[in-house]
Structure formats: C-alpha cells, structure tokens
Amino acid sequence: MARSTFSAKINETKGAEFTQGEIASIKRRYSLDANVVVEIFFTQDVSNLDTMTN
C-alpha cells in the first residue's frame, strides 16, 4: 500500500477507509484481540476542544 493511501485511510480523507480484509490482516499480523481492533478502527476520537461547552 502506498504511503499516500495509508495516510488517507488513517485520516479518513477522500472517503478512504480500511476494508474488512485489511482490518482482519492487521488483526492477525499483530495478534490483536477484538477489543483492541474496535478501539483502533471503530471508536470515534473526539478532542476535548470538540466536547467543551461554553
């Protein structure tokens, strides 16, 4: 995978996302358990600035 493609997937730019096959391959390669996979690929990161109310 090209660096630019990987970067787009990590940053979810230009509609790029990891496929189920890619996620499964990463899970196997790095011996990740299901909870870690969910944290990495399916948990929405929200900065504190985005959640602060005035």
PDB file of N, CA and C in Angstrom:
ATOM      1  N   MET A   1       0.846  -1.160   0.000  1.00  0.00           N
ATOM      2  CA  MET A   1       0.000   0.000   0.000  1.00  0.00           C
ATOM      3  C   MET A   1       0.900   1.234   0.000  1.00  0.00           C
ATOM      4  N   ALA A   2       0.570   2.170  -0.846  1.00  0.00           N
ATOM      5  CA  ALA A   2       1.345   3.414  -0.927  1.00  0.00           C
ATOM      6  C   ALA A   2       1.164   4.239   0.336  1.00  0.00           C
ATOM      7  N   ARG A   3       2.186   5.004   0.671  1.00  0.00           N
ATOM      8  CA  ARG A   3       2.114   5.856   1.862  1.00  0.00           C
ATOM      9  C   ARG A   3       0.925   6.805   1.802  1.00  0.00           C
ATOM     10  N   SER A   4       0.678   7.365   0.621  1.00  0.00           N
ATOM     11  CA  SER A   4      -0.424   8.322   0.488  1.00  0.00           C
ATOM     12  C   SER A   4      -1.773   7.637   0.728  1.00  0.00           C
ATOM     13  N   THR A   5      -1.910   6.389   0.285  1.00  0.00           N
ATOM     14  CA  THR A   5      -3.142   5.631   0.512  1.00  0.00           C
ATOM     15  C   THR A   5      -3.309   5.335   1.994  1.00  0.00           C
ATOM     16  N   PHE A   6      -2.230   4.885   2.634  1.00  0.00           N
ATOM     17  CA  PHE A   6      -2.274   4.597   4.069  1.00  0.00           C
ATOM     18  C   PHE A   6      -2.640   5.856   4.852  1.00  0.00           C
ATOM     19  N   SER A   7      -2.017   6.970   4.520  1.00  0.00           N
ATOM     20  CA  SER A   7      -2.301   8.228   5.191  1.00  0.00           C
ATOM     21  C   SER A   7      -3.764   8.623   5.025  1.00  0.00           C
ATOM     22  N   ALA A   8      -4.304   8.469   3.817  1.00  0.00           N
ATOM     23  CA  ALA A   8      -5.710   8.796   3.570  1.00  0.00           C
ATOM     24  C   ALA A   8      -6.628   7.913   4.409  1.00  0.00           C
ATOM     25  N   LYS A   9      -6.291   6.642   4.539  1.00  0.00           N
ATOM     26  CA  LYS A   9      -7.107   5.723   5.337  1.00  0.00           C
ATOM     27  C   LYS A   9      -7.035   6.073   6.824  1.00  0.00           C
ATOM     28  N   ILE A  10      -5.848   6.359   7.317  1.00  0.00           N
ATOM     29  CA  ILE A  10      -5.674   6.724   8.726  1.00  0.00           C
ATOM     30  C   ILE A  10      -6.456   7.997   9.040  1.00  0.00           C
ATOM     31  N   ASN A  11      -6.388   8.958   8.127  1.00  0.00           N
ATOM     32  CA  ASN A  11      -7.017  10.255   8.352  1.00  0.00           C
ATOM     33  C   ASN A  11      -8.434  10.346   7.785  1.00  0.00           C
ATOM     34  N   GLU A  12      -8.890   9.261   7.179  1.00  0.00           N
ATOM     35  CA  GLU A  12     -10.229   9.180   6.576  1.00  0.00           C
ATOM     36  C   GLU A  12     -10.489  10.352   5.638  1.00  0.00           C
ATOM     37  N   THR A  13      -9.511  10.629   4.789  1.00  0.00           N
ATOM     38  CA  THR A  13      -9.679  11.689   3.803  1.00  0.00           C
ATOM     39  C   THR A  13     -10.026  11.079   2.452  1.00  0.00           C
ATOM     40  N   LYS A  14     -10.667  11.865   1.630  1.00  0.00           N
ATOM     41  CA  LYS A  14     -11.058  11.441   0.279  1.00  0.00           C
ATOM     42  C   LYS A  14     -11.892  10.170   0.318  1.00  0.00           C
ATOM     43  N   GLY A  15     -12.654   9.962   1.400  1.00  0.00           N
ATOM     44  CA  GLY A  15     -13.521   8.796   1.517  1.00  0.00           C
ATOM     45  C   GLY A  15     -12.799   7.479   1.735  1.00  0.00           C
ATOM     46  N   ALA A  16     -11.506   7.546   2.017  1.00  0.00           N
ATOM     47  CA  ALA A  16     -10.708   6.324   2.197  1.00  0.00           C
ATOM     48  C   ALA A  16     -10.994   5.682   3.546  1.00  0.00           C
ATOM     49  N   GLU A  17     -11.143   4.381   3.545  1.00  0.00           N
ATOM     50  CA  GLU A  17     -11.351   3.605   4.764  1.00  0.00           C
ATOM     51  C   GLU A  17     -10.646   2.268   4.621  1.00  0.00           C
ATOM     52  N   PHE A  18     -10.321   1.657   5.750  1.00  0.00           N
ATOM     53  CA  PHE A  18      -9.768   0.309   5.723  1.00  0.00           C
ATOM     54  C   PHE A  18     -10.892  -0.668   5.381  1.00  0.00           C
ATOM     55  N   THR A  19     -10.589  -1.651   4.555  1.00  0.00           N
ATOM     56  CA  THR A  19     -11.568  -2.686   4.228  1.00  0.00           C
ATOM     57  C   THR A  19     -11.587  -3.724   5.349  1.00  0.00           C
ATOM     58  N   GLN A  20     -12.624  -4.543   5.359  1.00  0.00           N
ATOM     59  CA  GLN A  20     -12.698  -5.612   6.349  1.00  0.00           C
ATOM     60  C   GLN A  20     -11.502  -6.551   6.222  1.00  0.00           C
ATOM     61  N   GLY A  21     -11.106  -6.835   4.996  1.00  0.00           N
ATOM     62  CA  GLY A  21      -9.948  -7.703   4.770  1.00  0.00           C
ATOM     63  C   GLY A  21      -8.662  -7.114   5.314  1.00  0.00           C
ATOM     64  N   GLU A  22      -8.479  -5.815   5.129  1.00  0.00           N
ATOM     65  CA  GLU A  22      -7.284  -5.151   5.655  1.00  0.00           C
ATOM     66  C   GLU A  22      -7.284  -5.174   7.179  1.00  0.00           C
ATOM     67  N   ILE A  23      -8.441  -4.915   7.775  1.00  0.00           N
ATOM     68  CA  ILE A  23      -8.542  -4.942   9.237  1.00  0.00           C
ATOM     69  C   ILE A  23      -8.244  -6.344   9.756  1.00  0.00           C
ATOM     70  N   ALA A  24      -8.794  -7.357   9.109  1.00  0.00           N
ATOM     71  CA  ALA A  24      -8.543  -8.741   9.523  1.00  0.00           C
ATOM     72  C   ALA A  24      -7.062  -9.089   9.395  1.00  0.00           C
ATOM     73  N   SER A  25      -6.416  -8.638   8.330  1.00  0.00           N
ATOM     74  CA  SER A  25      -4.984  -8.903   8.140  1.00  0.00           C
ATOM     75  C   SER A  25      -4.153  -8.230   9.226  1.00  0.00           C
ATOM     76  N   ILE A  26      -4.484  -6.986   9.553  1.00  0.00           N
ATOM     77  CA  ILE A  26      -3.764  -6.262  10.608  1.00  0.00           C
ATOM     78  C   ILE A  26      -3.972  -6.966  11.947  1.00  0.00           C
ATOM     79  N   LYS A  27      -5.204  -7.419  12.215  1.00  0.00           N
ATOM     80  CA  LYS A  27      -5.516  -8.130  13.456  1.00  0.00           C
ATOM     81  C   LYS A  27      -4.647  -9.380  13.597  1.00  0.00           C
ATOM     82  N   ARG A  28      -4.567 -10.163  12.514  1.00  0.00           N
ATOM     83  CA  ARG A  28      -3.757 -11.390  12.541  1.00  0.00           C
ATOM     84  C   ARG A  28      -2.269 -11.065  12.661  1.00  0.00           C
ATOM     85  N   ARG A  29      -1.786 -10.123  11.859  1.00  0.00           N
ATOM     86  CA  ARG A  29      -0.358  -9.800  11.810  1.00  0.00           C
ATOM     87  C   ARG A  29       0.173  -9.363  13.166  1.00  0.00           C
ATOM     88  N   TYR A  30      -0.639  -8.582  13.893  1.00  0.00           N
ATOM     89  CA  TYR A  30      -0.184  -8.031  15.162  1.00  0.00           C
ATOM     90  C   TYR A  30      -0.827  -8.702  16.368  1.00  0.00           C
ATOM     91  N   SER A  31      -1.493  -9.837  16.141  1.00  0.00           N
ATOM     92  CA  SER A  31      -2.122 -10.638  17.207  1.00  0.00           C
ATOM     93  C   SER A  31      -2.989  -9.772  18.128  1.00  0.00           C
ATOM     94  N   LEU A  32      -3.847  -8.972  17.529  1.00  0.00           N
ATOM     95  CA  LEU A  32      -4.721  -8.090  18.289  1.00  0.00           C
ATOM     96  C   LEU A  32      -5.989  -8.821  18.696  1.00  0.00           C
ATOM     97  N   ASP A  33      -6.489  -8.530  19.884  1.00  0.00           N
ATOM     98  CA  ASP A  33      -7.774  -9.108  20.261  1.00  0.00           C
ATOM     99  C   ASP A  33      -8.889  -8.194  19.753  1.00  0.00           C
ATOM    100  N   ALA A  34     -10.116  -8.687  19.808  1.00  0.00           N
ATOM    101  CA  ALA A  34     -11.258  -7.970  19.228  1.00  0.00           C
ATOM    102  C   ALA A  34     -11.456  -6.594  19.856  1.00  0.00           C
ATOM    103  N   ASN A  35     -11.240  -6.479  21.158  1.00  0.00           N
ATOM    104  CA  ASN A  35     -11.426  -5.184  21.825  1.00  0.00           C
ATOM    105  C   ASN A  35     -10.450  -4.133  21.310  1.00  0.00           C
ATOM    106  N   VAL A  36      -9.224  -4.536  21.068  1.00  0.00           N
ATOM    107  CA  VAL A  36      -8.218  -3.610  20.552  1.00  0.00           C
ATOM    108  C   VAL A  36      -8.583  -3.182  19.128  1.00  0.00           C
ATOM    109  N   VAL A  37      -9.048  -4.120  18.334  1.00  0.00           N
ATOM    110  CA  VAL A  37      -9.460  -3.799  16.960  1.00  0.00           C
ATOM    111  C   VAL A  37     -10.588  -2.771  16.980  1.00  0.00           C
ATOM    112  N   VAL A  38     -11.547  -2.955  17.859  1.00  0.00           N
ATOM    113  CA  VAL A  38     -12.646  -1.994  17.975  1.00  0.00           C
ATOM    114  C   VAL A  38     -12.114  -0.623  18.372  1.00  0.00           C
ATOM    115  N   GLU A  39     -11.207  -0.585  19.348  1.00  0.00           N
ATOM    116  CA  GLU A  39     -10.625   0.688  19.777  1.00  0.00           C
ATOM    117  C   GLU A  39      -9.906   1.394  18.633  1.00  0.00           C
ATOM    118  N   ILE A  40      -9.147   0.641  17.856  1.00  0.00           N
ATOM    119  CA  ILE A  40      -8.351   1.231  16.779  1.00  0.00           C
ATOM    120  C   ILE A  40      -9.216   1.684  15.612  1.00  0.00           C
ATOM    121  N   PHE A  41     -10.133   0.831  15.175  1.00  0.00           N
ATOM    122  CA  PHE A  41     -10.833   1.089  13.925  1.00  0.00           C
ATOM    123  C   PHE A  41     -12.259   1.627  14.064  1.00  0.00           C
ATOM    124  N   PHE A  42     -12.872   1.470  15.220  1.00  0.00           N
ATOM    125  CA  PHE A  42     -14.291   1.800  15.295  1.00  0.00           C
ATOM    126  C   PHE A  42     -14.667   2.774  16.399  1.00  0.00           C
ATOM    127  N   THR A  43     -13.711   3.242  17.185  1.00  0.00           N
ATOM    128  CA  THR A  43     -14.011   4.217  18.220  1.00  0.00           C
ATOM    129  C   THR A  43     -13.763   5.604  17.669  1.00  0.00           C
ATOM    130  N   GLN A  44     -14.756   6.460  17.819  1.00  0.00           N
ATOM    131  CA  GLN A  44     -14.637   7.827  17.323  1.00  0.00           C
ATOM    132  C   GLN A  44     -13.749   8.619  18.261  1.00  0.00           C
ATOM    133  N   ASP A  45     -12.689   9.205  17.728  1.00  0.00           N
ATOM    134  CA  ASP A  45     -11.822  10.069  18.531  1.00  0.00           C
ATOM    135  C   ASP A  45     -12.438  11.461  18.563  1.00  0.00           C
ATOM    136  N   VAL A  46     -12.617  11.985  19.752  1.00  0.00           N
ATOM    137  CA  VAL A  46     -13.158  13.332  19.905  1.00  0.00           C
ATOM    138  C   VAL A  46     -12.233  14.083  20.829  1.00  0.00           C
ATOM    139  N   SER A  47     -11.738  15.215  20.363  1.00  0.00           N
ATOM    140  CA  SER A  47     -10.839  16.003  21.214  1.00  0.00           C
ATOM    141  C   SER A  47     -11.638  16.709  22.293  1.00  0.00           C
ATOM    142  N   ASN A  48     -10.952  17.080  23.361  1.00  0.00           N
ATOM    143  CA  ASN A  48     -11.602  17.823  24.440  1.00  0.00           C
ATOM    144  C   ASN A  48     -12.171  19.136  23.944  1.00  0.00           C
ATOM    145  N   LEU A  49     -11.496  19.764  23.006  1.00  0.00           N
ATOM    146  CA  LEU A  49     -11.986  21.043  22.468  1.00  0.00           C
ATOM    147  C   LEU A  49     -13.340  20.865  21.784  1.00  0.00           C
ATOM    148  N   ASP A  50     -13.545  19.722  21.131  1.00  0.00           N
ATOM    149  CA  ASP A  50     -14.799  19.481  20.437  1.00  0.00           C
ATOM    150  C   ASP A  50     -15.952  19.232  21.405  1.00  0.00           C
ATOM    151  N   THR A  51     -15.660  18.827  22.623  1.00  0.00           N
ATOM    152  CA  THR A  51     -16.712  18.471  23.557  1.00  0.00           C
ATOM    153  C   THR A  51     -16.955  19.522  24.627  1.00  0.00           C
ATOM    154  N   MET A  52     -16.165  20.587  24.615  1.00  0.00           N
ATOM    155  CA  MET A  52     -16.327  21.634  25.622  1.00  0.00           C
ATOM    156  C   MET A  52     -17.542  22.499  25.283  1.00  0.00           C
ATOM    157  N   THR A  53     -18.284  22.872  26.319  1.00  0.00           N
ATOM    158  CA  THR A  53     -19.410  23.776  26.122  1.00  0.00           C
ATOM    159  C   THR A  53     -19.100  25.085  26.810  1.00  0.00           C
ATOM    160  N   ASN A  54     -19.621  26.135  26.264  1.00  0.00           N
ATOM    161  CA  ASN A  54     -19.381  27.470  26.835  1.00  0.00           C
ATOM    162  C   ASN A  54     -20.552  27.897  27.671  1.00  0.00           C
TER     163      ASN A  54
END
